[in-house]
PDB file of N, CA and C in Angstrom:
ATOM      1  N   MET A   1      -4.817   1.258  25.219  1.00  0.00           N
ATOM      2  CA  MET A   1      -6.020   1.200  24.409  1.00  0.00           C
ATOM      3  C   MET A   1      -5.630   1.233  22.939  1.00  0.00           C
ATOM      4  N   ASP A   2      -6.179   0.306  22.184  1.00  0.00           N
ATOM      5  CA  ASP A   2      -5.951   0.268  20.741  1.00  0.00           C
ATOM      6  C   ASP A   2      -6.736   1.392  20.083  1.00  0.00           C
ATOM      7  N   PRO A   3      -6.284   1.819  18.909  1.00  0.00           N
ATOM      8  CA  PRO A   3      -7.049   2.842  18.189  1.00  0.00           C
ATOM      9  C   PRO A   3      -8.426   2.318  17.779  1.00  0.00           C
ATOM     10  N   VAL A   4      -9.339   3.249  17.623  1.00  0.00           N
ATOM     11  CA  VAL A   4     -10.677   2.901  17.154  1.00  0.00           C
ATOM     12  C   VAL A   4     -10.577   2.524  15.687  1.00  0.00           C
ATOM     13  N   LYS A   5     -11.264   1.443  15.331  1.00  0.00           N
ATOM     14  CA  LYS A   5     -11.249   0.961  13.951  1.00  0.00           C
ATOM     15  C   LYS A   5     -12.682   0.940  13.438  1.00  0.00           C
ATOM     16  N   ILE A   6     -12.916   1.538  12.287  1.00  0.00           N
ATOM     17  CA  ILE A   6     -14.225   1.500  11.635  1.00  0.00           C
ATOM     18  C   ILE A   6     -14.020   0.822  10.290  1.00  0.00           C
ATOM     19  N   PHE A   7     -14.827  -0.211  10.039  1.00  0.00           N
ATOM     20  CA  PHE A   7     -14.656  -0.958   8.802  1.00  0.00           C
ATOM     21  C   PHE A   7     -16.003  -1.415   8.260  1.00  0.00           C
ATOM     22  N   GLU A   8     -16.050  -1.573   6.941  1.00  0.00           N
ATOM     23  CA  GLU A   8     -17.260  -2.078   6.304  1.00  0.00           C
ATOM     24  C   GLU A   8     -17.251  -3.601   6.381  1.00  0.00           C
ATOM     25  N   VAL A   9     -18.384  -4.157   6.733  1.00  0.00           N
ATOM     26  CA  VAL A   9     -18.532  -5.605   6.795  1.00  0.00           C
ATOM     27  C   VAL A   9     -18.713  -6.118   5.363  1.00  0.00           C
ATOM     28  N   THR A  10     -17.793  -6.969   4.936  1.00  0.00           N
ATOM     29  CA  THR A  10     -17.848  -7.494   3.570  1.00  0.00           C
ATOM     30  C   THR A  10     -17.938  -9.017   3.552  1.00  0.00           C
ATOM     31  N   GLU A  11     -17.946  -9.614   4.737  1.00  0.00           N
ATOM     32  CA  GLU A  11     -18.070 -11.059   4.840  1.00  0.00           C
ATOM     33  C   GLU A  11     -18.865 -11.411   6.088  1.00  0.00           C
ATOM     34  N   VAL A  12     -19.417 -12.602   6.092  1.00  0.00           N
ATOM     35  CA  VAL A  12     -20.222 -13.063   7.227  1.00  0.00           C
ATOM     36  C   VAL A  12     -19.321 -13.813   8.196  1.00  0.00           C
ATOM     37  N   ARG A  13     -19.327 -13.365   9.446  1.00  0.00           N
ATOM     38  CA  ARG A  13     -18.574 -14.028  10.509  1.00  0.00           C
ATOM     39  C   ARG A  13     -19.482 -14.148  11.724  1.00  0.00           C
ATOM     40  N   ASP A  14     -19.335 -15.242  12.435  1.00  0.00           N
ATOM     41  CA  ASP A  14     -20.153 -15.457  13.626  1.00  0.00           C
ATOM     42  C   ASP A  14     -19.959 -14.350  14.653  1.00  0.00           C
ATOM     43  N   GLU A  15     -18.730 -13.842  14.787  1.00  0.00           N
ATOM     44  CA  GLU A  15     -18.481 -12.788  15.772  1.00  0.00           C
ATOM     45  C   GLU A  15     -19.190 -11.487  15.397  1.00  0.00           C
ATOM     46  N   TYR A  16     -19.369 -11.232  14.106  1.00  0.00           N
ATOM     47  CA  TYR A  16     -20.124 -10.049  13.681  1.00  0.00           C
ATOM     48  C   TYR A  16     -21.599 -10.221  14.026  1.00  0.00           C
ATOM     49  N   VAL A  17     -22.142 -11.398  13.759  1.00  0.00           N
ATOM     50  CA  VAL A  17     -23.551 -11.666  14.076  1.00  0.00           C
ATOM     51  C   VAL A  17     -23.780 -11.497  15.574  1.00  0.00           C
ATOM     52  N   ALA A  18     -22.918 -12.082  16.392  1.00  0.00           N
ATOM     53  CA  ALA A  18     -23.065 -11.988  17.852  1.00  0.00           C
ATOM     54  C   ALA A  18     -22.980 -10.533  18.323  1.00  0.00           C
ATOM     55  N   ALA A  19     -22.064  -9.773  17.760  1.00  0.00           N
ATOM     56  CA  ALA A  19     -21.912  -8.367  18.150  1.00  0.00           C
ATOM     57  C   ALA A  19     -23.140  -7.552  17.769  1.00  0.00           C
ATOM     58  N   ILE A  20     -23.684  -7.803  16.592  1.00  0.00           N
ATOM     59  CA  ILE A  20     -24.867  -7.069  16.144  1.00  0.00           C
ATOM     60  C   ILE A  20     -26.073  -7.423  17.009  1.00  0.00           C
ATOM     61  N   VAL A  21     -26.232  -8.684  17.337  1.00  0.00           N
ATOM     62  CA  VAL A  21     -27.323  -9.099  18.223  1.00  0.00           C
ATOM     63  C   VAL A  21     -27.199  -8.391  19.572  1.00  0.00           C
ATOM     64  N   LYS A  22     -25.997  -8.302  20.092  1.00  0.00           N
ATOM     65  CA  LYS A  22     -25.770  -7.615  21.371  1.00  0.00           C
ATOM     66  C   LYS A  22     -26.120  -6.129  21.266  1.00  0.00           C
ATOM     67  N   LEU A  23     -25.699  -5.484  20.180  1.00  0.00           N
ATOM     68  CA  LEU A  23     -26.016  -4.063  19.995  1.00  0.00           C
ATOM     69  C   LEU A  23     -27.522  -3.844  19.859  1.00  0.00           C
ATOM     70  N   LEU A  24     -28.186  -4.683  19.081  1.00  0.00           N
ATOM     71  CA  LEU A  24     -29.634  -4.541  18.900  1.00  0.00           C
ATOM     72  C   LEU A  24     -30.391  -4.729  20.214  1.00  0.00           C
ATOM     73  N   SER A  25     -29.900  -5.615  21.066  1.00  0.00           N
ATOM     74  CA  SER A  25     -30.578  -5.855  22.346  1.00  0.00           C
ATOM     75  C   SER A  25     -30.505  -4.639  23.267  1.00  0.00           C
ATOM     76  N   GLN A  26     -29.569  -3.749  23.019  1.00  0.00           N
ATOM     77  CA  GLN A  26     -29.451  -2.532  23.820  1.00  0.00           C
ATOM     78  C   GLN A  26     -30.468  -1.471  23.413  1.00  0.00           C
ATOM     79  N   LEU A  27     -31.071  -1.642  22.229  1.00  0.00           N
ATOM     80  CA  LEU A  27     -32.025  -0.651  21.734  1.00  0.00           C
ATOM     81  C   LEU A  27     -33.415  -0.813  22.337  1.00  0.00           C
ATOM     82  N   SER A  28     -33.797  -2.050  22.639  1.00  0.00           N
ATOM     83  CA  SER A  28     -35.116  -2.285  23.217  1.00  0.00           C
ATOM     84  C   SER A  28     -35.130  -3.641  23.906  1.00  0.00           C
ATOM     85  N   THR A  29     -36.191  -3.883  24.636  1.00  0.00           N
ATOM     86  CA  THR A  29     -36.322  -5.169  25.322  1.00  0.00           C
ATOM     87  C   THR A  29     -36.973  -6.213  24.431  1.00  0.00           C
ATOM     88  N   SER A  30     -37.422  -5.813  23.256  1.00  0.00           N
ATOM     89  CA  SER A  30     -38.008  -6.760  22.305  1.00  0.00           C
ATOM     90  C   SER A  30     -36.917  -7.671  21.755  1.00  0.00           C
ATOM     91  N   GLN A  31     -37.295  -8.895  21.454  1.00  0.00           N
ATOM     92  CA  GLN A  31     -36.343  -9.824  20.880  1.00  0.00           C
ATOM     93  C   GLN A  31     -36.083  -9.465  19.418  1.00  0.00           C
ATOM     94  N   HIS A  32     -34.814  -9.456  19.039  1.00  0.00           N
ATOM     95  CA  HIS A  32     -34.431  -9.162  17.669  1.00  0.00           C
ATOM     96  C   HIS A  32     -33.911 -10.440  17.030  1.00  0.00           C
ATOM     97  N   ILE A  33     -34.448 -10.774  15.890  1.00  0.00           N
ATOM     98  CA  ILE A  33     -33.997 -11.946  15.162  1.00  0.00           C
ATOM     99  C   ILE A  33     -32.987 -11.476  14.122  1.00  0.00           C
ATOM    100  N   PHE A  34     -31.731 -11.731  14.375  1.00  0.00           N
ATOM    101  CA  PHE A  34     -30.664 -11.382  13.446  1.00  0.00           C
ATOM    102  C   PHE A  34     -29.774 -12.612  13.320  1.00  0.00           C
ATOM    103  N   THR A  35     -29.669 -13.133  12.108  1.00  0.00           N
ATOM    104  CA  THR A  35     -28.967 -14.385  11.872  1.00  0.00           C
ATOM    105  C   THR A  35     -27.845 -14.199  10.852  1.00  0.00           C
ATOM    106  N   ARG A  36     -27.125 -15.265  10.625  1.00  0.00           N
ATOM    107  CA  ARG A  36     -26.104 -15.258   9.572  1.00  0.00           C
ATOM    108  C   ARG A  36     -26.747 -14.923   8.223  1.00  0.00           C
ATOM    109  N   ASP A  37     -27.954 -15.450   7.994  1.00  0.00           N
ATOM    110  CA  ASP A  37     -28.658 -15.173   6.738  1.00  0.00           C
ATOM    111  C   ASP A  37     -28.998 -13.690   6.610  1.00  0.00           C
ATOM    112  N   THR A  38     -29.379 -13.068   7.719  1.00  0.00           N
ATOM    113  CA  THR A  38     -29.670 -11.631   7.711  1.00  0.00           C
ATOM    114  C   THR A  38     -28.423 -10.844   7.329  1.00  0.00           C
ATOM    115  N   LEU A  39     -27.314 -11.189   7.960  1.00  0.00           N
ATOM    116  CA  LEU A  39     -26.058 -10.502   7.655  1.00  0.00           C
ATOM    117  C   LEU A  39     -25.638 -10.760   6.213  1.00  0.00           C
ATOM    118  N   GLN A  40     -25.826 -11.975   5.747  1.00  0.00           N
ATOM    119  CA  GLN A  40     -25.488 -12.301   4.356  1.00  0.00           C
ATOM    120  C   GLN A  40     -26.293 -11.437   3.384  1.00  0.00           C
ATOM    121  N   SER A  41     -27.555 -11.231   3.688  1.00  0.00           N
ATOM    122  CA  SER A  41     -28.403 -10.382   2.842  1.00  0.00           C
ATOM    123  C   SER A  41     -27.877  -8.948   2.793  1.00  0.00           C
ATOM    124  N   LEU A  42     -27.451  -8.437   3.941  1.00  0.00           N
ATOM    125  CA  LEU A  42     -26.904  -7.076   3.981  1.00  0.00           C
ATOM    126  C   LEU A  42     -25.596  -6.978   3.207  1.00  0.00           C
ATOM    127  N   VAL A  43     -24.727  -7.958   3.390  1.00  0.00           N
ATOM    128  CA  VAL A  43     -23.419  -7.948   2.730  1.00  0.00           C
ATOM    129  C   VAL A  43     -23.570  -8.040   1.214  1.00  0.00           C
ATOM    130  N   GLN A  44     -24.527  -8.810   0.753  1.00  0.00           N
ATOM    131  CA  GLN A  44     -24.717  -9.008  -0.684  1.00  0.00           C
ATOM    132  C   GLN A  44     -25.454  -7.861  -1.366  1.00  0.00           C
ATOM    133  N   CYS A  45     -26.128  -7.031  -0.596  1.00  0.00           N
ATOM    134  CA  CYS A  45     -26.912  -5.941  -1.177  1.00  0.00           C
ATOM    135  C   CYS A  45     -25.998  -4.804  -1.644  1.00  0.00           C
ATOM    136  N   ASP A  46     -26.149  -4.429  -2.903  1.00  0.00           N
ATOM    137  CA  ASP A  46     -25.315  -3.371  -3.474  1.00  0.00           C
ATOM    138  C   ASP A  46     -25.655  -1.983  -2.941  1.00  0.00           C
ATOM    139  N   THR A  47     -26.839  -1.813  -2.393  1.00  0.00           N
ATOM    140  CA  THR A  47     -27.273  -0.483  -1.947  1.00  0.00           C
ATOM    141  C   THR A  47     -27.201  -0.308  -0.430  1.00  0.00           C
ATOM    142  N   THR A  48     -26.711  -1.297   0.281  1.00  0.00           N
ATOM    143  CA  THR A  48     -26.599  -1.223   1.738  1.00  0.00           C
ATOM    144  C   THR A  48     -25.161  -1.458   2.155  1.00  0.00           C
ATOM    145  N   HIS A  49     -24.682  -0.638   3.057  1.00  0.00           N
ATOM    146  CA  HIS A  49     -23.305  -0.751   3.555  1.00  0.00           C
ATOM    147  C   HIS A  49     -23.355  -0.742   5.080  1.00  0.00           C
ATOM    148  N   LEU A  50     -22.876  -1.812   5.681  1.00  0.00           N
ATOM    149  CA  LEU A  50     -22.860  -1.954   7.134  1.00  0.00           C
ATOM    150  C   LEU A  50     -21.443  -1.747   7.634  1.00  0.00           C
ATOM    151  N   PHE A  51     -21.295  -0.818   8.566  1.00  0.00           N
ATOM    152  CA  PHE A  51     -19.991  -0.531   9.169  1.00  0.00           C
ATOM    153  C   PHE A  51     -20.034  -0.882  10.645  1.00  0.00           C
ATOM    154  N   LEU A  52     -18.941  -1.419  11.143  1.00  0.00           N
ATOM    155  CA  LEU A  52     -18.804  -1.709  12.571  1.00  0.00           C
ATOM    156  C   LEU A  52     -17.667  -0.874  13.135  1.00  0.00           C
ATOM    157  N   LEU A  53     -17.833  -0.451  14.388  1.00  0.00           N
ATOM    158  CA  LEU A  53     -16.809   0.271  15.115  1.00  0.00           C
ATOM    159  C   LEU A  53     -16.217  -0.700  16.121  1.00  0.00           C
ATOM    160  N   GLN A  54     -14.897  -0.809  16.121  1.00  0.00           N
ATOM    161  CA  GLN A  54     -14.226  -1.762  16.996  1.00  0.00           C
ATOM    162  C   GLN A  54     -13.209  -1.027  17.859  1.00  0.00           C
ATOM    163  N   VAL A  55     -13.250  -1.306  19.165  1.00  0.00           N
ATOM    164  CA  VAL A  55     -12.301  -0.736  20.116  1.00  0.00           C
ATOM    165  C   VAL A  55     -11.749  -1.875  20.961  1.00  0.00           C
ATOM    166  N   ASP A  56     -10.457  -1.970  21.040  1.00  0.00           N
ATOM    167  CA  ASP A  56      -9.797  -3.034  21.803  1.00  0.00           C
ATOM    168  C   ASP A  56     -10.318  -4.416  21.418  1.00  0.00           C
ATOM    169  N   GLY A  57     -10.578  -4.624  20.147  1.00  0.00           N
ATOM    170  CA  GLY A  57     -11.020  -5.923  19.645  1.00  0.00           C
ATOM    171  C   GLY A  57     -12.491  -6.223  19.810  1.00  0.00           C
ATOM    172  N   ALA A  58     -13.231  -5.328  20.458  1.00  0.00           N
ATOM    173  CA  ALA A  58     -14.660  -5.544  20.679  1.00  0.00           C
ATOM    174  C   ALA A  58     -15.497  -4.564  19.860  1.00  0.00           C
ATOM    175  N   VAL A  59     -16.581  -5.042  19.302  1.00  0.00           N
ATOM    176  CA  VAL A  59     -17.474  -4.176  18.529  1.00  0.00           C
ATOM    177  C   VAL A  59     -18.288  -3.326  19.511  1.00  0.00           C
ATOM    178  N   GLY A  60     -18.266  -2.010  19.295  1.00  0.00           N
ATOM    179  CA  GLY A  60     -18.965  -1.104  20.194  1.00  0.00           C
ATOM    180  C   GLY A  60     -20.020  -0.256  19.507  1.00  0.00           C
ATOM    181  N   GLY A  61     -20.173  -0.418  18.195  1.00  0.00           N
ATOM    182  CA  GLY A  61     -21.173   0.363  17.492  1.00  0.00           C
ATOM    183  C   GLY A  61     -21.293  -0.094  16.049  1.00  0.00           C
ATOM    184  N   MET A  62     -22.370   0.341  15.414  1.00  0.00           N
ATOM    185  CA  MET A  62     -22.560   0.011  14.001  1.00  0.00           C
ATOM    186  C   MET A  62     -23.332   1.120  13.316  1.00  0.00           C
ATOM    187  N   LEU A  63     -23.192   1.156  12.007  1.00  0.00           N
ATOM    188  CA  LEU A  63     -23.846   2.154  11.178  1.00  0.00           C
ATOM    189  C   LEU A  63     -24.219   1.483   9.870  1.00  0.00           C
ATOM    190  N   THR A  64     -25.436   1.726   9.411  1.00  0.00           N
ATOM    191  CA  THR A  64     -25.876   1.201   8.134  1.00  0.00           C
ATOM    192  C   THR A  64     -26.212   2.374   7.224  1.00  0.00           C
ATOM    193  N   LEU A  65     -25.634   2.378   6.041  1.00  0.00           N
ATOM    194  CA  LEU A  65     -25.914   3.402   5.039  1.00  0.00           C
ATOM    195  C   LEU A  65     -26.583   2.738   3.858  1.00  0.00           C
ATOM    196  N   CYS A  66     -27.612   3.379   3.365  1.00  0.00           N
ATOM    197  CA  CYS A  66     -28.335   2.857   2.198  1.00  0.00           C
ATOM    198  C   CYS A  66     -28.311   3.919   1.103  1.00  0.00           C
ATOM    199  N   SER A  67     -28.131   3.459  -0.119  1.00  0.00           N
ATOM    200  CA  SER A  67     -28.096   4.415  -1.224  1.00  0.00           C
ATOM    201  C   SER A  67     -29.171   4.070  -2.237  1.00  0.00           C
TER     202      SER A  67
END
């Protein structure tokens, strides 16, 4: 098992969007609209910081901090 990696998302990648959509779908049965544009908005915002948790190359969690 690889070590757990926690990192701030600073760029838009399709794999990040797909992972976030998968995580959001676990929260409820409602459809969540999360796109590259949504992620771009978060990455560009100076007061929002999105972190992803990665284990064995797969995203397993996320955290958003707002200041």
